[in-house]
């Protein structure tokens, strides 16, 4: 293979990966959620990092989220719409560098097939606003065997309130 052939093949692959119908953007655009806002409205509400993750399906650097070491009792909610997503009771240290949970709260998340980056994964998003949260894998602990690998900047932590009077 000569240099020209290699460059042409690389350019063709890059062009194909950029086509929305190959990435599934058309299907994502057709989804409807309870809370829908324009990109400008989301940008006013979210920090740049939150917008990048929740609205552009980006990811944070591993070990960069302050929520990675959060150990208090409470709930992890969507940073976009405050829907409770995960209980602290299901959080565990997976060693991956992202907050991990073995189970979401009922009716909290949606899933879709993600075939970006040359692999097939299951992407998870907030079922109310559609904000991208991360991915779910089948290498988690019992009882579910699942690992919800979640971008910490897509979440807000709400500490449990004390019932002491």
C-alpha atoms as a PDB file:
ATOM      1  CA  UNK A   1       0.000   0.000   0.000  1.00  0.00           C
ATOM      2  CA  UNK A   2       1.448   3.334  -0.946  1.00  0.00           C
ATOM      3  CA  UNK A   3       1.089   6.613   0.860  1.00  0.00           C
ATOM      4  CA  UNK A   4      -1.559   7.986  -1.506  1.00  0.00           C
ATOM      5  CA  UNK A   5      -3.769   4.904  -1.050  1.00  0.00           C
ATOM      6  CA  UNK A   6      -3.391   5.075   2.714  1.00  0.00           C
ATOM      7  CA  UNK A   7      -4.344   8.762   2.774  1.00  0.00           C
ATOM      8  CA  UNK A   8      -7.358   8.163   0.511  1.00  0.00           C
ATOM      9  CA  UNK A   9      -8.567   5.274   2.670  1.00  0.00           C
ATOM     10  CA  UNK A  10      -8.125   7.304   5.849  1.00  0.00           C
ATOM     11  CA  UNK A  11     -10.002  10.259   4.352  1.00  0.00           C
ATOM     12  CA  UNK A  12     -12.841   8.017   3.177  1.00  0.00           C
ATOM     13  CA  UNK A  13     -13.220   6.462   6.625  1.00  0.00           C
ATOM     14  CA  UNK A  14     -13.251   9.879   8.285  1.00  0.00           C
ATOM     15  CA  UNK A  15     -15.958  11.060   5.876  1.00  0.00           C
ATOM     16  CA  UNK A  16     -18.069   7.960   6.499  1.00  0.00           C
ATOM     17  CA  UNK A  17     -17.793   8.331  10.268  1.00  0.00           C
ATOM     18  CA  UNK A  18     -19.009  11.899   9.947  1.00  0.00           C
ATOM     19  CA  UNK A  19     -22.249  10.987   8.190  1.00  0.00           C
ATOM     20  CA  UNK A  20     -25.177  11.445  10.589  1.00  0.00           C
ATOM     21  CA  UNK A  21     -27.093   8.398   9.343  1.00  0.00           C
ATOM     22  CA  UNK A  22     -24.160   6.154  10.213  1.00  0.00           C
ATOM     23  CA  UNK A  23     -23.875   7.551  13.710  1.00  0.00           C
ATOM     24  CA  UNK A  24     -27.610   7.352  14.382  1.00  0.00           C
ATOM     25  CA  UNK A  25     -28.118  11.134  14.706  1.00  0.00           C
ATOM     26  CA  UNK A  26     -31.384  10.945  12.737  1.00  0.00           C
ATOM     27  CA  UNK A  27     -32.843   8.481  15.240  1.00  0.00           C
ATOM     28  CA  UNK A  28     -31.678  10.622  18.144  1.00  0.00           C
ATOM     29  CA  UNK A  29     -33.199  13.731  16.586  1.00  0.00           C
ATOM     30  CA  UNK A  30     -36.561  11.941  16.304  1.00  0.00           C
ATOM     31  CA  UNK A  31     -36.664  11.139  20.035  1.00  0.00           C
ATOM     32  CA  UNK A  32     -38.947  13.286  22.163  1.00  0.00           C
ATOM     33  CA  UNK A  33     -38.494  14.039  25.852  1.00  0.00           C
ATOM     34  CA  UNK A  34     -40.618  15.725  28.527  1.00  0.00           C
ATOM     35  CA  UNK A  35     -38.119  18.565  28.768  1.00  0.00           C
ATOM     36  CA  UNK A  36     -36.860  19.978  25.497  1.00  0.00           C
ATOM     37  CA  UNK A  37     -34.866  23.163  25.065  1.00  0.00           C
ATOM     38  CA  UNK A  38     -32.921  24.834  22.310  1.00  0.00           C
ATOM     39  CA  UNK A  39     -29.134  24.551  22.349  1.00  0.00           C
ATOM     40  CA  UNK A  40     -28.994  28.207  23.412  1.00  0.00           C
ATOM     41  CA  UNK A  41     -31.290  27.561  26.386  1.00  0.00           C
ATOM     42  CA  UNK A  42     -29.193  24.567  27.466  1.00  0.00           C
ATOM     43  CA  UNK A  43     -25.996  26.638  27.160  1.00  0.00           C
ATOM     44  CA  UNK A  44     -27.473  29.313  29.453  1.00  0.00           C
ATOM     45  CA  UNK A  45     -28.424  26.722  32.076  1.00  0.00           C
ATOM     46  CA  UNK A  46     -25.415  24.374  32.021  1.00  0.00           C
ATOM     47  CA  UNK A  47     -21.697  24.847  32.533  1.00  0.00           C
ATOM     48  CA  UNK A  48     -19.580  24.308  29.400  1.00  0.00           C
ATOM     49  CA  UNK A  49     -18.527  20.852  30.666  1.00  0.00           C
ATOM     50  CA  UNK A  50     -22.113  19.858  31.483  1.00  0.00           C
ATOM     51  CA  UNK A  51     -23.252  21.004  28.040  1.00  0.00           C
ATOM     52  CA  UNK A  52     -20.449  19.063  26.355  1.00  0.00           C
ATOM     53  CA  UNK A  53     -21.404  15.860  28.175  1.00  0.00           C
ATOM     54  CA  UNK A  54     -25.202  16.098  28.388  1.00  0.00           C
ATOM     55  CA  UNK A  55     -25.968  17.686  25.010  1.00  0.00           C
ATOM     56  CA  UNK A  56     -22.970  16.759  22.809  1.00  0.00           C
ATOM     57  CA  UNK A  57     -22.425  13.257  24.243  1.00  0.00           C
ATOM     58  CA  UNK A  58     -18.896  14.056  25.341  1.00  0.00           C
ATOM     59  CA  UNK A  59     -17.047  12.557  28.268  1.00  0.00           C
ATOM     60  CA  UNK A  60     -14.936  13.909  31.073  1.00  0.00           C
ATOM     61  CA  UNK A  61     -11.362  12.863  31.718  1.00  0.00           C
ATOM     62  CA  UNK A  62     -11.176   9.868  34.059  1.00  0.00           C
ATOM     63  CA  UNK A  63     -10.708  10.740  37.743  1.00  0.00           C
ATOM     64  CA  UNK A  64     -11.728  14.399  37.108  1.00  0.00           C
ATOM     65  CA  UNK A  65     -15.205  14.382  38.689  1.00  0.00           C
ATOM     66  CA  UNK A  66     -15.559  15.449  42.326  1.00  0.00           C
ATOM     67  CA  UNK A  67     -18.465  12.968  42.569  1.00  0.00           C
ATOM     68  CA  UNK A  68     -16.092  10.059  42.057  1.00  0.00           C
ATOM     69  CA  UNK A  69     -15.188  10.161  45.763  1.00  0.00           C
ATOM     70  CA  UNK A  70     -18.673  11.105  47.015  1.00  0.00           C
ATOM     71  CA  UNK A  71     -19.517   8.659  49.824  1.00  0.00           C
ATOM     72  CA  UNK A  72     -22.448  10.311  51.626  1.00  0.00           C
ATOM     73  CA  UNK A  73     -25.986   8.946  51.567  1.00  0.00           C
ATOM     74  CA  UNK A  74     -28.157  10.640  48.991  1.00  0.00           C
ATOM     75  CA  UNK A  75     -29.282  10.728  45.396  1.00  0.00           C
ATOM     76  CA  UNK A  76     -27.465  11.489  42.158  1.00  0.00           C
ATOM     77  CA  UNK A  77     -29.714  13.568  39.874  1.00  0.00           C
ATOM     78  CA  UNK A  78     -29.493  14.720  36.267  1.00  0.00           C
ATOM     79  CA  UNK A  79     -27.597  18.026  36.045  1.00  0.00           C
ATOM     80  CA  UNK A  80     -29.911  19.039  33.199  1.00  0.00           C
ATOM     81  CA  UNK A  81     -33.350  18.531  34.768  1.00  0.00           C
ATOM     82  CA  UNK A  82     -32.763  17.310  38.365  1.00  0.00           C
ATOM     83  CA  UNK A  83     -34.518  13.968  37.792  1.00  0.00           C
ATOM     84  CA  UNK A  84     -33.236  11.532  40.454  1.00  0.00           C
ATOM     85  CA  UNK A  85     -31.204   8.880  38.612  1.00  0.00           C
ATOM     86  CA  UNK A  86     -29.145   6.796  41.070  1.00  0.00           C
ATOM     87  CA  UNK A  87     -29.181   6.093  44.787  1.00  0.00           C
ATOM     88  CA  UNK A  88     -25.915   6.277  46.714  1.00  0.00           C
ATOM     89  CA  UNK A  89     -26.765   2.746  47.892  1.00  0.00           C
ATOM     90  CA  UNK A  90     -25.923   1.440  44.393  1.00  0.00           C
ATOM     91  CA  UNK A  91     -22.688   3.416  43.901  1.00  0.00           C
ATOM     92  CA  UNK A  92     -19.384   1.550  43.992  1.00  0.00           C
ATOM     93  CA  UNK A  93     -15.733   2.083  43.075  1.00  0.00           C
ATOM     94  CA  UNK A  94     -15.150   0.351  39.740  1.00  0.00           C
ATOM     95  CA  UNK A  95     -11.602   1.678  39.443  1.00  0.00           C
ATOM     96  CA  UNK A  96     -12.385   3.121  36.001  1.00  0.00           C
ATOM     97  CA  UNK A  97     -12.201   6.802  36.969  1.00  0.00           C
ATOM     98  CA  UNK A  98     -15.911   7.539  36.555  1.00  0.00           C
ATOM     99  CA  UNK A  99     -18.722   7.266  39.116  1.00  0.00           C
ATOM    100  CA  UNK A 100     -20.211   3.789  38.766  1.00  0.00           C
ATOM    101  CA  UNK A 101     -23.527   2.337  39.863  1.00  0.00           C
ATOM    102  CA  UNK A 102     -24.946  -1.164  39.639  1.00  0.00           C
ATOM    103  CA  UNK A 103     -28.566  -0.035  39.176  1.00  0.00           C
ATOM    104  CA  UNK A 104     -30.482   3.159  38.295  1.00  0.00           C
ATOM    105  CA  UNK A 105     -33.618   4.301  40.072  1.00  0.00           C
ATOM    106  CA  UNK A 106     -36.904   3.066  38.517  1.00  0.00           C
ATOM    107  CA  UNK A 107     -38.010   4.922  35.367  1.00  0.00           C
ATOM    108  CA  UNK A 108     -34.936   7.162  35.464  1.00  0.00           C
ATOM    109  CA  UNK A 109     -32.883   6.370  32.382  1.00  0.00           C
ATOM    110  CA  UNK A 110     -33.269   5.468  28.739  1.00  0.00           C
ATOM    111  CA  UNK A 111     -30.884   3.440  26.623  1.00  0.00           C
ATOM    112  CA  UNK A 112     -29.839   3.399  22.993  1.00  0.00           C
ATOM    113  CA  UNK A 113     -27.299   1.601  20.841  1.00  0.00           C
ATOM    114  CA  UNK A 114     -24.032   3.516  20.418  1.00  0.00           C
ATOM    115  CA  UNK A 115     -21.752   2.390  17.603  1.00  0.00           C
ATOM    116  CA  UNK A 116     -19.289   5.284  17.696  1.00  0.00           C
ATOM    117  CA  UNK A 117     -15.541   4.817  18.087  1.00  0.00           C
ATOM    118  CA  UNK A 118     -15.613   1.518  16.185  1.00  0.00           C
ATOM    119  CA  UNK A 119     -17.420  -0.450  18.904  1.00  0.00           C
ATOM    120  CA  UNK A 120     -20.986  -1.217  19.942  1.00  0.00           C
ATOM    121  CA  UNK A 121     -22.006  -0.091  23.420  1.00  0.00           C
ATOM    122  CA  UNK A 122     -25.206   0.809  25.249  1.00  0.00           C
ATOM    123  CA  UNK A 123     -25.474   4.531  25.886  1.00  0.00           C
ATOM    124  CA  UNK A 124     -27.611   5.712  28.802  1.00  0.00           C
ATOM    125  CA  UNK A 125     -29.434   9.025  28.992  1.00  0.00           C
ATOM    126  CA  UNK A 126     -31.873  10.820  31.273  1.00  0.00           C
ATOM    127  CA  UNK A 127     -35.344   9.650  30.300  1.00  0.00           C
ATOM    128  CA  UNK A 128     -36.835  13.103  31.035  1.00  0.00           C
ATOM    129  CA  UNK A 129     -34.477  15.487  29.182  1.00  0.00           C
ATOM    130  CA  UNK A 130     -32.444  13.093  27.030  1.00  0.00           C
ATOM    131  CA  UNK A 131     -29.136  14.248  28.503  1.00  0.00           C
ATOM    132  CA  UNK A 132     -26.249  11.863  27.812  1.00  0.00           C
ATOM    133  CA  UNK A 133     -25.000  10.259  31.035  1.00  0.00           C
ATOM    134  CA  UNK A 134     -22.525   7.576  29.982  1.00  0.00           C
ATOM    135  CA  UNK A 135     -22.710   3.859  29.161  1.00  0.00           C
ATOM    136  CA  UNK A 136     -23.758   0.591  30.778  1.00  0.00           C
ATOM    137  CA  UNK A 137     -21.593  -2.525  30.684  1.00  0.00           C
ATOM    138  CA  UNK A 138     -22.140  -6.106  31.848  1.00  0.00           C
ATOM    139  CA  UNK A 139     -19.041  -6.328  34.057  1.00  0.00           C
ATOM    140  CA  UNK A 140     -20.497  -4.937  37.276  1.00  0.00           C
ATOM    141  CA  UNK A 141     -21.034  -6.431  40.725  1.00  0.00           C
ATOM    142  CA  UNK A 142     -23.928  -8.513  42.012  1.00  0.00           C
ATOM    143  CA  UNK A 143     -26.859  -8.403  42.223  1.00  0.00           C
ATOM    144  CA  UNK A 144     -27.293  -6.974  38.680  1.00  0.00           C
ATOM    145  CA  UNK A 145     -23.877  -7.634  37.148  1.00  0.00           C
ATOM    146  CA  UNK A 146     -24.148  -4.207  35.501  1.00  0.00           C
ATOM    147  CA  UNK A 147     -21.817  -1.216  35.611  1.00  0.00           C
ATOM    148  CA  UNK A 148     -23.411   2.113  34.821  1.00  0.00           C
ATOM    149  CA  UNK A 149     -20.301   4.152  34.012  1.00  0.00           C
ATOM    150  CA  UNK A 150     -21.542   7.727  34.390  1.00  0.00           C
ATOM    151  CA  UNK A 151     -19.920  11.090  33.726  1.00  0.00           C
ATOM    152  CA  UNK A 152     -19.867  12.837  37.089  1.00  0.00           C
ATOM    153  CA  UNK A 153     -20.352  16.279  35.528  1.00  0.00           C
ATOM    154  CA  UNK A 154     -23.711  15.036  34.160  1.00  0.00           C
ATOM    155  CA  UNK A 155     -24.902  14.596  37.753  1.00  0.00           C
ATOM    156  CA  UNK A 156     -25.722  16.670  40.805  1.00  0.00           C
ATOM    157  CA  UNK A 157     -25.501  15.078  44.233  1.00  0.00           C
ATOM    158  CA  UNK A 158     -28.396  15.670  46.635  1.00  0.00           C
ATOM    159  CA  UNK A 159     -27.455  14.612  50.207  1.00  0.00           C
ATOM    160  CA  UNK A 160     -30.037  12.679  52.194  1.00  0.00           C
ATOM    161  CA  UNK A 161     -31.806  14.785  54.776  1.00  0.00           C
ATOM    162  CA  UNK A 162     -31.625  13.871  58.424  1.00  0.00           C
ATOM    163  CA  UNK A 163     -34.907  12.749  59.989  1.00  0.00           C
ATOM    164  CA  UNK A 164     -33.729  13.799  63.448  1.00  0.00           C
ATOM    165  CA  UNK A 165     -35.945  16.442  65.044  1.00  0.00           C
END
